[in-house]
N, C-alpha and C. Protein backbone atom coordinates (compact mmCIF):
# COMPACT_ATOMS: atom_id res chain seq x y z
N MET A 1 -7.74 -6.71 0.33
CA MET A 1 -8.16 -7.89 1.03
C MET A 1 -7.54 -7.93 2.43
N LEU A 2 -6.25 -7.58 2.52
CA LEU A 2 -5.60 -7.55 3.84
C LEU A 2 -6.28 -6.55 4.75
N LEU A 3 -6.62 -5.38 4.22
CA LEU A 3 -7.31 -4.37 5.02
C LEU A 3 -8.63 -4.91 5.55
N ALA A 4 -9.38 -5.61 4.72
CA ALA A 4 -10.66 -6.18 5.15
C ALA A 4 -10.43 -7.21 6.25
N ALA A 5 -9.40 -8.03 6.11
CA ALA A 5 -9.10 -9.04 7.13
C ALA A 5 -8.69 -8.37 8.44
N CYS A 6 -7.88 -7.33 8.35
CA CYS A 6 -7.45 -6.61 9.56
C CYS A 6 -8.64 -5.99 10.26
N THR A 7 -9.52 -5.39 9.49
CA THR A 7 -10.70 -4.76 10.07
C THR A 7 -11.60 -5.78 10.74
N ALA A 8 -11.83 -6.88 10.07
CA ALA A 8 -12.72 -7.91 10.61
C ALA A 8 -12.14 -8.55 11.86
N LEU A 9 -10.86 -8.75 11.89
CA LEU A 9 -10.23 -9.44 13.02
C LEU A 9 -9.72 -8.48 14.09
N GLY A 10 -9.61 -7.22 13.76
CA GLY A 10 -9.09 -6.25 14.71
C GLY A 10 -7.63 -6.49 15.04
N ALA A 11 -6.89 -7.15 14.15
CA ALA A 11 -5.53 -7.56 14.44
C ALA A 11 -4.47 -6.60 13.93
N CYS A 12 -4.83 -5.59 13.22
CA CYS A 12 -3.83 -4.70 12.63
C CYS A 12 -3.84 -3.33 13.28
N ASP A 13 -3.98 -3.30 14.55
CA ASP A 13 -4.02 -2.05 15.30
C ASP A 13 -2.61 -1.48 15.38
N SER A 14 -2.40 -0.31 14.77
CA SER A 14 -1.07 0.28 14.80
C SER A 14 -0.85 1.15 16.03
N TRP A 15 -1.85 1.25 16.90
CA TRP A 15 -1.75 1.93 18.19
C TRP A 15 -2.12 0.92 19.27
N PRO A 16 -1.30 -0.11 19.47
CA PRO A 16 -1.72 -1.27 20.25
C PRO A 16 -1.69 -1.14 21.77
N THR A 17 -1.06 -0.11 22.31
CA THR A 17 -0.90 -0.03 23.76
C THR A 17 -1.48 1.28 24.28
N SER A 18 -2.22 1.19 25.37
CA SER A 18 -2.81 2.39 25.96
C SER A 18 -2.62 2.37 27.47
N LEU A 19 -2.75 3.55 28.08
CA LEU A 19 -2.73 3.68 29.54
C LEU A 19 -4.02 4.38 29.94
N ASP A 20 -4.79 3.73 30.80
CA ASP A 20 -6.09 4.22 31.27
C ASP A 20 -5.93 4.66 32.72
N ASN A 21 -6.19 5.92 33.00
CA ASN A 21 -6.02 6.47 34.34
C ASN A 21 -7.31 6.33 35.14
N ARG A 22 -7.32 5.42 36.11
CA ARG A 22 -8.47 5.25 37.01
C ARG A 22 -8.11 5.67 38.43
N ALA A 23 -7.08 6.51 38.57
CA ALA A 23 -6.70 7.05 39.87
C ALA A 23 -7.66 8.18 40.24
N ALA A 24 -7.54 8.66 41.45
CA ALA A 24 -8.42 9.73 41.94
C ALA A 24 -8.15 11.08 41.27
N GLY A 25 -6.96 11.26 40.71
CA GLY A 25 -6.61 12.52 40.07
C GLY A 25 -5.84 12.30 38.78
N ASP A 26 -5.39 13.39 38.20
CA ASP A 26 -4.60 13.31 36.97
C ASP A 26 -3.23 12.71 37.25
N VAL A 27 -2.64 12.08 36.25
CA VAL A 27 -1.29 11.52 36.36
C VAL A 27 -0.49 11.90 35.12
N ARG A 28 0.80 11.66 35.20
CA ARG A 28 1.70 11.78 34.05
C ARG A 28 2.46 10.48 33.95
N PHE A 29 2.86 10.10 32.74
CA PHE A 29 3.65 8.88 32.59
C PHE A 29 4.66 9.05 31.47
N ARG A 30 5.65 8.20 31.53
CA ARG A 30 6.62 8.07 30.45
C ARG A 30 7.10 6.63 30.44
N TYR A 31 7.69 6.21 29.35
CA TYR A 31 8.15 4.83 29.25
C TYR A 31 9.43 4.76 28.44
N HIS A 32 10.13 3.65 28.59
CA HIS A 32 11.34 3.42 27.83
C HIS A 32 11.10 2.27 26.87
N HIS A 33 11.26 2.54 25.60
CA HIS A 33 11.14 1.52 24.55
C HIS A 33 12.52 0.94 24.32
N ARG A 34 12.61 -0.37 24.24
CA ARG A 34 13.91 -1.05 24.17
C ARG A 34 14.74 -0.66 22.94
N LEU A 35 14.13 -0.13 21.90
CA LEU A 35 14.88 0.22 20.69
C LEU A 35 15.45 1.64 20.71
N TYR A 36 15.14 2.41 21.76
CA TYR A 36 15.58 3.80 21.82
C TYR A 36 16.43 4.04 23.07
N ASP A 37 17.38 4.96 22.95
CA ASP A 37 18.21 5.31 24.10
C ASP A 37 17.45 6.18 25.09
N GLU A 38 16.62 7.07 24.58
CA GLU A 38 15.91 8.04 25.42
C GLU A 38 14.53 7.52 25.82
N TRP A 39 14.05 8.02 26.94
CA TRP A 39 12.69 7.75 27.38
C TRP A 39 11.73 8.58 26.54
N SER A 40 10.47 8.19 26.54
CA SER A 40 9.44 9.02 25.89
C SER A 40 9.30 10.32 26.68
N ALA A 41 8.62 11.28 26.11
CA ALA A 41 8.31 12.50 26.83
C ALA A 41 7.23 12.19 27.88
N TRP A 42 7.17 12.99 28.93
CA TRP A 42 6.10 12.84 29.91
C TRP A 42 4.78 13.17 29.25
N SER A 43 3.78 12.34 29.46
CA SER A 43 2.45 12.56 28.90
C SER A 43 1.42 12.64 30.01
N PRO A 44 0.59 13.68 30.00
CA PRO A 44 -0.46 13.78 31.02
C PRO A 44 -1.65 12.89 30.65
N VAL A 45 -2.31 12.36 31.67
CA VAL A 45 -3.54 11.60 31.47
C VAL A 45 -4.53 12.08 32.52
N ALA A 46 -5.60 12.68 32.05
CA ALA A 46 -6.62 13.18 32.97
C ALA A 46 -7.33 12.01 33.65
N ARG A 47 -7.86 12.28 34.81
CA ARG A 47 -8.64 11.29 35.56
C ARG A 47 -9.77 10.75 34.67
N SER A 48 -9.95 9.44 34.69
CA SER A 48 -10.99 8.75 33.92
C SER A 48 -10.81 8.85 32.41
N ARG A 49 -9.57 9.08 31.98
CA ARG A 49 -9.25 9.14 30.55
C ARG A 49 -8.16 8.13 30.24
N ALA A 50 -8.02 7.84 28.96
CA ALA A 50 -6.97 6.93 28.49
C ALA A 50 -6.21 7.59 27.36
N VAL A 51 -4.95 7.23 27.20
CA VAL A 51 -4.14 7.70 26.07
C VAL A 51 -3.45 6.51 25.43
N ARG A 52 -3.17 6.64 24.16
CA ARG A 52 -2.43 5.60 23.45
C ARG A 52 -0.96 5.96 23.43
N LEU A 53 -0.12 4.94 23.54
CA LEU A 53 1.31 5.15 23.42
C LEU A 53 1.62 5.40 21.95
N ALA A 54 2.86 5.60 21.61
CA ALA A 54 3.24 5.93 20.24
C ALA A 54 2.90 4.82 19.26
N HIS A 55 2.78 5.20 18.02
CA HIS A 55 2.48 4.30 16.91
C HIS A 55 3.41 3.08 16.93
N GLU A 56 2.83 1.90 16.89
CA GLU A 56 3.55 0.63 16.85
C GLU A 56 4.35 0.29 18.10
N HIS A 57 4.15 0.99 19.19
CA HIS A 57 4.85 0.65 20.43
C HIS A 57 4.03 -0.38 21.20
N ARG A 58 4.52 -1.61 21.17
CA ARG A 58 3.84 -2.74 21.80
C ARG A 58 4.43 -3.01 23.17
N MET A 59 3.61 -3.59 24.03
CA MET A 59 4.03 -3.84 25.41
C MET A 59 5.30 -4.68 25.48
N ARG A 60 5.48 -5.61 24.59
CA ARG A 60 6.67 -6.47 24.64
C ARG A 60 7.96 -5.66 24.48
N ASP A 61 7.86 -4.46 23.93
CA ASP A 61 9.04 -3.63 23.70
C ASP A 61 9.22 -2.53 24.74
N ILE A 62 8.31 -2.43 25.69
CA ILE A 62 8.41 -1.42 26.74
C ILE A 62 9.19 -2.02 27.91
N SER A 63 10.38 -1.50 28.14
CA SER A 63 11.23 -2.09 29.18
C SER A 63 11.00 -1.48 30.56
N GLU A 64 10.57 -0.22 30.62
CA GLU A 64 10.32 0.43 31.91
C GLU A 64 9.19 1.43 31.74
N LEU A 65 8.53 1.72 32.86
CA LEU A 65 7.42 2.67 32.87
C LEU A 65 7.49 3.47 34.16
N GLU A 66 7.18 4.76 34.10
CA GLU A 66 7.08 5.60 35.28
C GLU A 66 5.75 6.33 35.25
N VAL A 67 5.09 6.38 36.40
CA VAL A 67 3.83 7.11 36.55
C VAL A 67 3.98 8.06 37.73
N THR A 68 3.67 9.33 37.52
CA THR A 68 3.71 10.32 38.59
C THR A 68 2.29 10.70 38.96
N GLU A 69 2.01 10.58 40.25
CA GLU A 69 0.68 10.89 40.79
C GLU A 69 0.86 11.64 42.09
N ALA A 70 0.25 12.79 42.20
CA ALA A 70 0.28 13.58 43.44
C ALA A 70 1.70 13.76 43.99
N GLY A 71 2.64 14.06 43.10
CA GLY A 71 4.01 14.32 43.53
C GLY A 71 4.87 13.09 43.77
N LEU A 72 4.30 11.90 43.68
CA LEU A 72 5.06 10.65 43.84
C LEU A 72 5.25 9.99 42.49
N THR A 73 6.44 9.44 42.26
CA THR A 73 6.70 8.73 41.00
C THR A 73 6.88 7.26 41.28
N TYR A 74 6.10 6.46 40.60
CA TYR A 74 6.18 5.00 40.70
C TYR A 74 6.90 4.49 39.47
N ARG A 75 7.97 3.72 39.71
CA ARG A 75 8.77 3.21 38.59
C ARG A 75 8.60 1.70 38.52
N TYR A 76 8.27 1.24 37.33
CA TYR A 76 8.12 -0.19 37.06
C TYR A 76 9.28 -0.59 36.16
N GLY A 77 10.26 -1.27 36.74
CA GLY A 77 11.44 -1.69 36.02
C GLY A 77 11.20 -2.97 35.24
N ALA A 78 12.29 -3.52 34.73
CA ALA A 78 12.20 -4.73 33.89
C ALA A 78 11.53 -5.89 34.61
N ARG A 79 11.84 -6.08 35.89
CA ARG A 79 11.22 -7.18 36.65
C ARG A 79 9.71 -7.00 36.79
N ALA A 80 9.30 -5.77 37.09
CA ALA A 80 7.87 -5.49 37.25
C ALA A 80 7.13 -5.58 35.92
N MET A 81 7.81 -5.24 34.83
CA MET A 81 7.17 -5.25 33.52
C MET A 81 7.10 -6.65 32.90
N ALA A 82 7.95 -7.56 33.34
CA ALA A 82 7.99 -8.90 32.74
C ALA A 82 6.64 -9.62 32.77
N PRO A 83 5.92 -9.67 33.90
CA PRO A 83 4.61 -10.35 33.88
C PRO A 83 3.60 -9.65 32.97
N VAL A 84 3.67 -8.33 32.88
CA VAL A 84 2.77 -7.58 32.00
C VAL A 84 3.08 -7.93 30.55
N GLN A 85 4.37 -8.00 30.22
CA GLN A 85 4.77 -8.33 28.85
C GLN A 85 4.33 -9.75 28.49
N ARG A 86 4.47 -10.69 29.43
CA ARG A 86 4.02 -12.06 29.16
C ARG A 86 2.52 -12.11 28.97
N PHE A 87 1.78 -11.41 29.81
CA PHE A 87 0.33 -11.39 29.73
C PHE A 87 -0.15 -10.81 28.40
N CYS A 88 0.48 -9.73 27.97
CA CYS A 88 0.06 -9.04 26.75
C CYS A 88 0.73 -9.59 25.50
N GLY A 89 1.72 -10.43 25.65
CA GLY A 89 2.57 -10.87 24.54
C GLY A 89 1.86 -11.37 23.31
N GLY A 90 0.86 -12.21 23.44
CA GLY A 90 0.20 -12.77 22.28
C GLY A 90 -0.99 -11.98 21.79
N SER A 91 -1.28 -10.87 22.44
CA SER A 91 -2.45 -10.07 22.09
C SER A 91 -2.09 -8.97 21.10
N SER A 92 -3.05 -8.60 20.26
CA SER A 92 -2.82 -7.50 19.33
C SER A 92 -2.89 -6.14 20.02
N SER A 93 -3.43 -6.10 21.25
CA SER A 93 -3.47 -4.85 21.99
C SER A 93 -3.31 -5.11 23.48
N CYS A 94 -2.90 -4.08 24.19
CA CYS A 94 -2.74 -4.19 25.64
C CYS A 94 -3.12 -2.86 26.26
N ALA A 95 -4.00 -2.92 27.23
CA ALA A 95 -4.42 -1.72 27.96
C ALA A 95 -3.86 -1.80 29.37
N LEU A 96 -3.04 -0.83 29.72
CA LEU A 96 -2.56 -0.71 31.09
C LEU A 96 -3.58 0.14 31.83
N VAL A 97 -4.00 -0.31 32.99
CA VAL A 97 -4.97 0.43 33.79
C VAL A 97 -4.26 0.83 35.08
N TYR A 98 -4.09 2.14 35.27
CA TYR A 98 -3.47 2.65 36.48
C TYR A 98 -4.57 2.97 37.48
N ARG A 99 -4.55 2.27 38.63
CA ARG A 99 -5.62 2.39 39.63
C ARG A 99 -5.28 3.39 40.74
N GLY A 100 -4.09 3.96 40.71
CA GLY A 100 -3.68 4.90 41.75
C GLY A 100 -2.84 4.22 42.81
N GLY A 101 -2.05 5.00 43.52
CA GLY A 101 -1.22 4.47 44.58
C GLY A 101 -0.21 3.44 44.12
N GLY A 102 0.20 3.52 42.85
CA GLY A 102 1.18 2.58 42.31
C GLY A 102 0.60 1.29 41.79
N ARG A 103 -0.71 1.13 41.86
CA ARG A 103 -1.35 -0.11 41.38
C ARG A 103 -1.58 -0.06 39.88
N LEU A 104 -1.01 -1.03 39.20
CA LEU A 104 -1.07 -1.11 37.75
C LEU A 104 -1.55 -2.49 37.35
N GLU A 105 -2.46 -2.57 36.41
CA GLU A 105 -2.91 -3.87 35.91
C GLU A 105 -2.89 -3.84 34.39
N ALA A 106 -2.88 -5.00 33.79
CA ALA A 106 -2.87 -5.11 32.33
C ALA A 106 -4.09 -5.88 31.87
N ARG A 107 -4.63 -5.46 30.75
CA ARG A 107 -5.77 -6.13 30.13
C ARG A 107 -5.49 -6.26 28.64
N THR A 108 -6.06 -7.24 28.02
CA THR A 108 -5.85 -7.41 26.58
C THR A 108 -6.87 -6.62 25.76
N SER A 109 -7.76 -5.94 26.44
CA SER A 109 -8.67 -5.01 25.76
C SER A 109 -8.97 -3.88 26.73
N ALA A 110 -9.36 -2.75 26.18
CA ALA A 110 -9.66 -1.59 27.02
C ALA A 110 -10.88 -1.86 27.88
N LEU A 111 -10.97 -1.15 29.00
CA LEU A 111 -12.16 -1.22 29.82
C LEU A 111 -13.35 -0.75 28.98
N PRO A 112 -14.53 -1.30 29.19
CA PRO A 112 -15.68 -0.96 28.34
C PRO A 112 -16.00 0.54 28.29
N ASP A 113 -15.72 1.25 29.38
CA ASP A 113 -16.06 2.68 29.41
C ASP A 113 -14.84 3.57 29.21
N ALA A 114 -13.75 3.04 28.66
CA ALA A 114 -12.53 3.82 28.45
C ALA A 114 -12.81 4.98 27.50
N LYS A 115 -12.31 6.17 27.87
CA LYS A 115 -12.48 7.36 27.04
C LYS A 115 -11.09 7.85 26.65
N VAL A 116 -10.75 7.71 25.39
CA VAL A 116 -9.42 8.13 24.91
C VAL A 116 -9.40 9.62 24.73
N GLN A 117 -8.39 10.28 25.33
CA GLN A 117 -8.27 11.74 25.18
C GLN A 117 -7.38 12.09 24.01
């Protein structure tokens, strides 16, 4: 019964956070989860593709994020992540959309044409 409720409501997503690359080229990213000492491994994201963060890693627990594009690394610290965490806080999922040049936005659902790699 719980499985049916989760499916119907879409509320039991165990891969709740994604990063969608809408920059002009490929990027790499990594993040720091508040429960771990180490950062995640660098993950590549091809242009016009999206990837999911690790199982059960929700935006409220991501304390920092780094995105590398064309040799430049953009770091989003705790202050920069706070509005994103508030925005995504009550949602069962959060899609980060990287627009290039350090521009990052948050959505509570993926873009309609998002392609997960």
